[in-house]
Protein backbone atom coordinates (compact mmCIF):
# COMPACT_ATOMS: atom_id res chain seq x y z
CA UNK A 1 -32.76 5.69 -28.09
CA UNK A 2 -35.22 6.60 -30.83
CA UNK A 3 -32.54 8.20 -32.95
CA UNK A 4 -30.26 5.20 -32.44
CA UNK A 5 -32.99 2.84 -33.55
CA UNK A 6 -33.72 4.86 -36.62
CA UNK A 7 -30.03 5.10 -37.52
CA UNK A 8 -29.58 1.37 -37.29
CA UNK A 9 -32.73 0.39 -39.17
CA UNK A 10 -33.53 3.01 -41.75
CA UNK A 11 -31.27 1.47 -44.39
CA UNK A 12 -33.89 -1.26 -44.76
CA UNK A 13 -36.79 1.18 -45.01
CA UNK A 14 -38.38 2.34 -48.22
CA UNK A 15 -38.52 6.14 -48.68
CA UNK A 16 -42.17 6.25 -47.55
CA UNK A 17 -41.48 4.07 -44.54
CA UNK A 18 -38.53 6.28 -43.63
CA UNK A 19 -40.75 9.40 -43.84
CA UNK A 20 -43.50 7.80 -41.80
CA UNK A 21 -41.12 6.42 -39.08
CA UNK A 22 -39.23 9.65 -38.73
CA UNK A 23 -42.54 11.51 -38.40
CA UNK A 24 -43.59 9.04 -35.67
CA UNK A 25 -40.31 9.49 -33.90
CA UNK A 26 -40.75 13.31 -33.90
CA UNK A 27 -44.24 12.89 -32.38
CA UNK A 28 -43.08 10.47 -29.67
CA UNK A 29 -40.08 12.68 -28.84
CA UNK A 30 -42.37 15.70 -28.46
CA UNK A 31 -44.29 13.96 -25.65
CA UNK A 32 -42.98 13.65 -22.07
CA UNK A 33 -43.03 9.86 -22.37
CA UNK A 34 -39.77 10.18 -24.27
CA UNK A 35 -37.99 11.42 -21.22
CA UNK A 36 -38.80 8.18 -19.39
CA UNK A 37 -36.32 5.29 -19.17
CA UNK A 38 -37.71 2.21 -21.08
CA UNK A 39 -36.67 -0.01 -18.18
CA UNK A 40 -38.89 2.06 -15.85
CA UNK A 41 -41.86 2.60 -18.19
CA UNK A 42 -45.05 1.30 -16.50
CA UNK A 43 -48.41 0.38 -17.96
CA UNK A 44 -49.89 3.41 -16.15
CA UNK A 45 -47.53 5.77 -17.94
CA UNK A 46 -48.31 4.12 -21.34
CA UNK A 47 -52.09 4.49 -20.56
CA UNK A 48 -51.53 8.20 -19.67
CA UNK A 49 -49.66 8.61 -22.97
CA UNK A 50 -52.49 7.00 -24.86
CA UNK A 51 -55.02 9.40 -23.17
CA UNK A 52 -52.76 12.40 -24.17
CA UNK A 53 -52.70 11.12 -27.78
CA UNK A 54 -56.45 10.69 -27.77
CA UNK A 55 -56.97 14.20 -26.41
CA UNK A 56 -54.88 15.42 -29.39
CA UNK A 57 -57.31 13.61 -31.72
CA UNK A 58 -55.34 10.54 -32.63
CA UNK A 59 -57.33 7.46 -33.28
CA UNK A 60 -56.54 3.87 -32.31
CA UNK A 61 -54.55 3.09 -35.47
CA UNK A 62 -52.45 6.12 -35.12
CA UNK A 63 -51.69 5.33 -31.50
CA UNK A 64 -50.84 1.77 -32.47
CA UNK A 65 -48.40 3.17 -35.04
CA UNK A 66 -46.51 4.89 -32.17
CA UNK A 67 -45.91 1.51 -30.67
CA UNK A 68 -43.88 0.47 -33.70
CA UNK A 69 -41.33 3.12 -32.57
CA UNK A 70 -41.48 1.85 -28.97
CA UNK A 71 -40.93 -1.76 -30.05
CA UNK A 72 -37.92 -0.59 -32.14
CA UNK A 73 -36.40 1.00 -29.10
CA UNK A 74 -36.92 -2.11 -27.03
CA UNK A 75 -35.10 -4.10 -29.68
CA UNK A 76 -32.12 -1.73 -29.43
CA UNK A 77 -32.06 -2.19 -25.67
CA UNK A 78 -32.01 -5.96 -26.07
CA UNK A 79 -29.13 -5.73 -28.55
CA UNK A 80 -26.93 -3.52 -26.34
CA UNK A 81 -27.70 -5.31 -23.05
């Protein structure tokens, strides 16, 4: 889903945005949260993901940036549903 979202939106991104978003996608895909179905994702799982990111040293802003990727995937799901 992450790759589909990137493919369908990156034409509108500036080069720096593309670099940032693709980096965020790689980080999200490296976590086990990426193996979960968006339709089954719970608040508890998101909280656990945040805790893992915090343990890796990410701050609030960096964690919030990961949600940009999640929001993009949710938009793709809405379009194809």
